[in-house]
Amino acid sequence: MTAQTDPTGKKLGMWLFLYTEIVLFGGLFVLYAVYFAGYTEDFIAGAKELDLFFGVVNTIILLISSFCVAAGVTAVQKAHNRIALAGLWGALACGAIFLVNKYIEWGHKFAYGIYPGSDRLVDGPAGQNLFFGLYFVVTGLHGLHIIIGMTLLAVSLVLVTRQKITAQSNAMLENSGLYWHLVDLIWIFIFPLFYLVV
């Protein structure tokens, strides 16, 4: 007796899960908008403390990673496993570089006394305290999603290597790709909200 698979059900389940992720980050973006309306000048001053270079580089890195994942999924569907593996390795490398950049960026903020509960933020303008509180929560949560996405892609890479994911059976890889694209899409909203406030 062979195990029955339901690719359509797996995709539907993943889309429902992604919907909950959209609701989660959407709620945080609405919260940002509410506080931005009340503390506009403080939010602009807070954004000037962020390093635009890191934001731009990480945006480019995630766009490249999305291309790598899309190429990997397409390659598996066409039974080009070597190209698929190259795409997945590329996406994992991009994810790792993104996290290193974020670590360095957060390190700089901590070095300047900008972190949740720091004297500089607690004793400073209330709006800047809120801005950086949201910054650390949203980018930290996004970083956690990057780690989860990398884990899914790594599992997919192993399964492609072992030929458990094939042109005929690739729901795991497609769902991992969908998750990764959502994480990238969320960053496309985070970047202008925190780094391009004027």
Foldseek 3Di string as FASTA:
>chain_A
DDDDDDLVVLVVVLVVVLVVVCVVLVVLVVVLVVLCVVPVVLLVVLLVPADLVLLVVLLVLLVLLLVLLVQLVVCQLVFNLVSNLVSLVSNLVSLVVNVVSVVVRVVVCVVVQHDQPGPPLVVDDVSSNVNSVSVCVVVVVLNVLSVVLNVLSVVLSVCSVVVVDHSVHHSSSVSSSVSSVSSSVSSVVVSCSRNVRD
